[in-house]
Amino acid sequence: MEGKMDYILQLLEKMNSNIEALTNENRKLTSKSEVAHAKLEIIFEKGTQAFSEVMAKTKDVILVSFIEIY
């Protein structure tokens, strides 16, 4: 009976160790994910601004071209 209890305690300690390792890995991955998400938000914002600027310039070129035709 004592042998079984020792075996069960070893299993519980191993499981607890694995849970702690997985929890730490989860924290690291969550942190990396949050950093990547923040970078993507910045890139998206800059891309949106650049697109708006290009569209505004394109509109101006089209308008000037249209005025020159007439």
N, C-alpha and C. Protein backbone atom coordinates (compact mmCIF):
# COMPACT_ATOMS: atom_id res chain seq x y z
N MET A 1 0.84 -1.20 0.00
CA MET A 1 0.00 0.00 0.00
C MET A 1 0.88 1.26 0.00
N GLU A 2 1.95 1.21 0.78
CA GLU A 2 2.83 2.38 0.87
C GLU A 2 3.51 2.64 -0.47
N GLY A 3 3.83 1.58 -1.19
CA GLY A 3 4.44 1.72 -2.50
C GLY A 3 3.51 2.41 -3.48
N LYS A 4 2.23 2.06 -3.39
CA LYS A 4 1.25 2.69 -4.27
C LYS A 4 1.11 4.18 -3.95
N MET A 5 1.15 4.50 -2.67
CA MET A 5 1.04 5.91 -2.26
C MET A 5 2.25 6.70 -2.76
N ASP A 6 3.44 6.11 -2.65
CA ASP A 6 4.64 6.78 -3.16
C ASP A 6 4.54 7.01 -4.66
N TYR A 7 4.06 6.00 -5.37
CA TYR A 7 3.89 6.09 -6.82
C TYR A 7 2.90 7.20 -7.18
N ILE A 8 1.79 7.25 -6.47
CA ILE A 8 0.77 8.28 -6.71
C ILE A 8 1.34 9.67 -6.41
N LEU A 9 2.10 9.80 -5.33
CA LEU A 9 2.71 11.09 -5.00
C LEU A 9 3.70 11.51 -6.07
N GLN A 10 4.47 10.56 -6.60
CA GLN A 10 5.42 10.88 -7.66
C GLN A 10 4.68 11.35 -8.92
N LEU A 11 3.60 10.66 -9.22
CA LEU A 11 2.80 11.08 -10.38
C LEU A 11 2.23 12.48 -10.20
N LEU A 12 1.73 12.75 -9.00
CA LEU A 12 1.17 14.08 -8.73
C LEU A 12 2.24 15.16 -8.82
N GLU A 13 3.43 14.88 -8.31
CA GLU A 13 4.52 15.85 -8.39
C GLU A 13 4.93 16.09 -9.83
N LYS A 14 4.99 15.01 -10.61
CA LYS A 14 5.34 15.13 -12.03
C LYS A 14 4.27 15.93 -12.78
N MET A 15 3.02 15.65 -12.49
CA MET A 15 1.92 16.39 -13.12
C MET A 15 1.98 17.87 -12.75
N ASN A 16 2.25 18.14 -11.48
CA ASN A 16 2.35 19.53 -11.02
C ASN A 16 3.50 20.23 -11.71
N SER A 17 4.62 19.54 -11.87
CA SER A 17 5.77 20.10 -12.56
C SER A 17 5.43 20.40 -14.02
N ASN A 18 4.73 19.46 -14.66
CA ASN A 18 4.33 19.67 -16.06
C ASN A 18 3.36 20.83 -16.19
N ILE A 19 2.45 20.94 -15.26
CA ILE A 19 1.48 22.06 -15.28
C ILE A 19 2.21 23.39 -15.13
N GLU A 20 3.18 23.45 -14.23
CA GLU A 20 3.96 24.69 -14.05
C GLU A 20 4.74 25.03 -15.32
N ALA A 21 5.34 24.03 -15.94
CA ALA A 21 6.10 24.27 -17.18
C ALA A 21 5.17 24.76 -18.28
N LEU A 22 4.01 24.15 -18.41
CA LEU A 22 3.05 24.58 -19.43
C LEU A 22 2.51 25.98 -19.15
N THR A 23 2.30 26.28 -17.89
CA THR A 23 1.83 27.62 -17.52
C THR A 23 2.87 28.67 -17.88
N ASN A 24 4.14 28.38 -17.60
CA ASN A 24 5.22 29.32 -17.94
C ASN A 24 5.33 29.49 -19.45
N GLU A 25 5.23 28.38 -20.18
CA GLU A 25 5.29 28.45 -21.64
C GLU A 25 4.10 29.25 -22.18
N ASN A 26 2.94 29.08 -21.58
CA ASN A 26 1.75 29.83 -21.99
C ASN A 26 1.96 31.32 -21.77
N ARG A 27 2.55 31.68 -20.66
CA ARG A 27 2.82 33.11 -20.39
C ARG A 27 3.75 33.69 -21.44
N LYS A 28 4.81 32.95 -21.76
CA LYS A 28 5.76 33.43 -22.77
C LYS A 28 5.08 33.60 -24.12
N LEU A 29 4.31 32.60 -24.52
CA LEU A 29 3.64 32.67 -25.81
C LEU A 29 2.59 33.77 -25.85
N THR A 30 1.90 33.97 -24.74
CA THR A 30 0.91 35.05 -24.67
C THR A 30 1.59 36.40 -24.84
N SER A 31 2.73 36.56 -24.19
CA SER A 31 3.49 37.81 -24.30
C SER A 31 3.94 38.04 -25.74
N LYS A 32 4.47 36.99 -26.38
CA LYS A 32 4.90 37.12 -27.77
C LYS A 32 3.72 37.44 -28.67
N SER A 33 2.60 36.83 -28.41
CA SER A 33 1.40 37.07 -29.21
C SER A 33 0.93 38.52 -29.07
N GLU A 34 0.97 39.03 -27.86
CA GLU A 34 0.55 40.42 -27.64
C GLU A 34 1.48 41.39 -28.34
N VAL A 35 2.78 41.11 -28.34
CA VAL A 35 3.74 41.97 -29.03
C VAL A 35 3.48 41.94 -30.54
N ALA A 36 3.27 40.74 -31.07
CA ALA A 36 3.00 40.60 -32.50
C ALA A 36 1.70 41.32 -32.88
N HIS A 37 0.70 41.20 -32.03
CA HIS A 37 -0.58 41.87 -32.30
C HIS A 37 -0.39 43.39 -32.33
N ALA A 38 0.37 43.91 -31.39
CA ALA A 38 0.62 45.35 -31.34
C ALA A 38 1.35 45.81 -32.61
N LYS A 39 2.33 45.02 -33.04
CA LYS A 39 3.06 45.37 -34.26
C LYS A 39 2.14 45.36 -35.47
N LEU A 40 1.27 44.36 -35.56
CA LEU A 40 0.33 44.30 -36.67
C LEU A 40 -0.63 45.48 -36.67
N GLU A 41 -1.06 45.90 -35.49
CA GLU A 41 -1.94 47.08 -35.41
C GLU A 41 -1.24 48.31 -35.95
N ILE A 42 0.04 48.47 -35.60
CA ILE A 42 0.82 49.63 -36.08
C ILE A 42 0.97 49.57 -37.59
N ILE A 43 1.31 48.38 -38.11
CA ILE A 43 1.48 48.22 -39.55
C ILE A 43 0.16 48.51 -40.27
N PHE A 44 -0.93 47.99 -39.74
CA PHE A 44 -2.24 48.23 -40.36
C PHE A 44 -2.57 49.71 -40.37
N GLU A 45 -2.31 50.38 -39.25
CA GLU A 45 -2.60 51.81 -39.17
C GLU A 45 -1.77 52.59 -40.18
N LYS A 46 -0.48 52.27 -40.27
CA LYS A 46 0.38 52.96 -41.23
C LYS A 46 -0.05 52.66 -42.66
N GLY A 47 -0.43 51.41 -42.91
CA GLY A 47 -0.88 51.04 -44.25
C GLY A 47 -2.14 51.77 -44.63
N THR A 48 -3.05 51.90 -43.70
CA THR A 48 -4.30 52.63 -43.95
C THR A 48 -4.03 54.09 -44.25
N GLN A 49 -3.12 54.68 -43.48
CA GLN A 49 -2.77 56.08 -43.71
C GLN A 49 -2.11 56.26 -45.07
N ALA A 50 -1.20 55.34 -45.41
CA ALA A 50 -0.51 55.43 -46.70
C ALA A 50 -1.51 55.27 -47.85
N PHE A 51 -2.44 54.34 -47.71
CA PHE A 51 -3.45 54.14 -48.74
C PHE A 51 -4.29 55.40 -48.91
N SER A 52 -4.66 56.02 -47.80
CA SER A 52 -5.46 57.25 -47.87
C SER A 52 -4.70 58.36 -48.58
N GLU A 53 -3.41 58.46 -48.29
CA GLU A 53 -2.60 59.48 -48.93
C GLU A 53 -2.48 59.22 -50.44
N VAL A 54 -2.27 57.96 -50.81
CA VAL A 54 -2.17 57.62 -52.23
C VAL A 54 -3.48 57.91 -52.94
N MET A 55 -4.58 57.58 -52.32
CA MET A 55 -5.89 57.83 -52.93
C MET A 55 -6.12 59.33 -53.08
N ALA A 56 -5.72 60.11 -52.10
CA ALA A 56 -5.90 61.56 -52.20
C ALA A 56 -5.07 62.13 -53.34
N LYS A 57 -3.83 61.66 -53.47
CA LYS A 57 -2.97 62.13 -54.55
C LYS A 57 -3.51 61.68 -55.91
N THR A 58 -4.00 60.45 -55.96
CA THR A 58 -4.58 59.94 -57.21
C THR A 58 -5.79 60.78 -57.61
N LYS A 59 -6.60 61.12 -56.62
CA LYS A 59 -7.78 61.95 -56.90
C LYS A 59 -7.35 63.30 -57.45
N ASP A 60 -6.30 63.87 -56.87
CA ASP A 60 -5.81 65.17 -57.34
C ASP A 60 -5.28 65.07 -58.77
N VAL A 61 -4.55 63.99 -59.07
CA VAL A 61 -4.02 63.82 -60.43
C VAL A 61 -5.15 63.65 -61.43
N ILE A 62 -6.14 62.87 -61.07
CA ILE A 62 -7.29 62.67 -61.96
C ILE A 62 -8.03 63.98 -62.17
N LEU A 63 -8.21 64.75 -61.11
CA LEU A 63 -8.91 66.02 -61.21
C LEU A 63 -8.14 66.99 -62.10
N VAL A 64 -6.82 67.08 -61.90
CA VAL A 64 -6.00 67.98 -62.72
C VAL A 64 -6.04 67.53 -64.18
N SER A 65 -5.94 66.22 -64.41
CA SER A 65 -6.00 65.70 -65.78
C SER A 65 -7.33 66.00 -66.42
N PHE A 66 -8.40 65.86 -65.66
CA PHE A 66 -9.73 66.13 -66.16
C PHE A 66 -9.87 67.62 -66.52
N ILE A 67 -9.34 68.48 -65.66
CA ILE A 67 -9.43 69.93 -65.91
C ILE A 67 -8.64 70.30 -67.16
N GLU A 68 -7.45 69.67 -67.35
CA GLU A 68 -6.62 69.99 -68.51
C GLU A 68 -7.29 69.55 -69.81
N ILE A 69 -8.07 68.47 -69.74
CA ILE A 69 -8.74 67.99 -70.95
C ILE A 69 -9.79 69.00 -71.39
N TYR A 70 -10.48 69.59 -70.46
CA TYR A 70 -11.56 70.51 -70.79
C TYR A 70 -11.04 71.88 -70.63
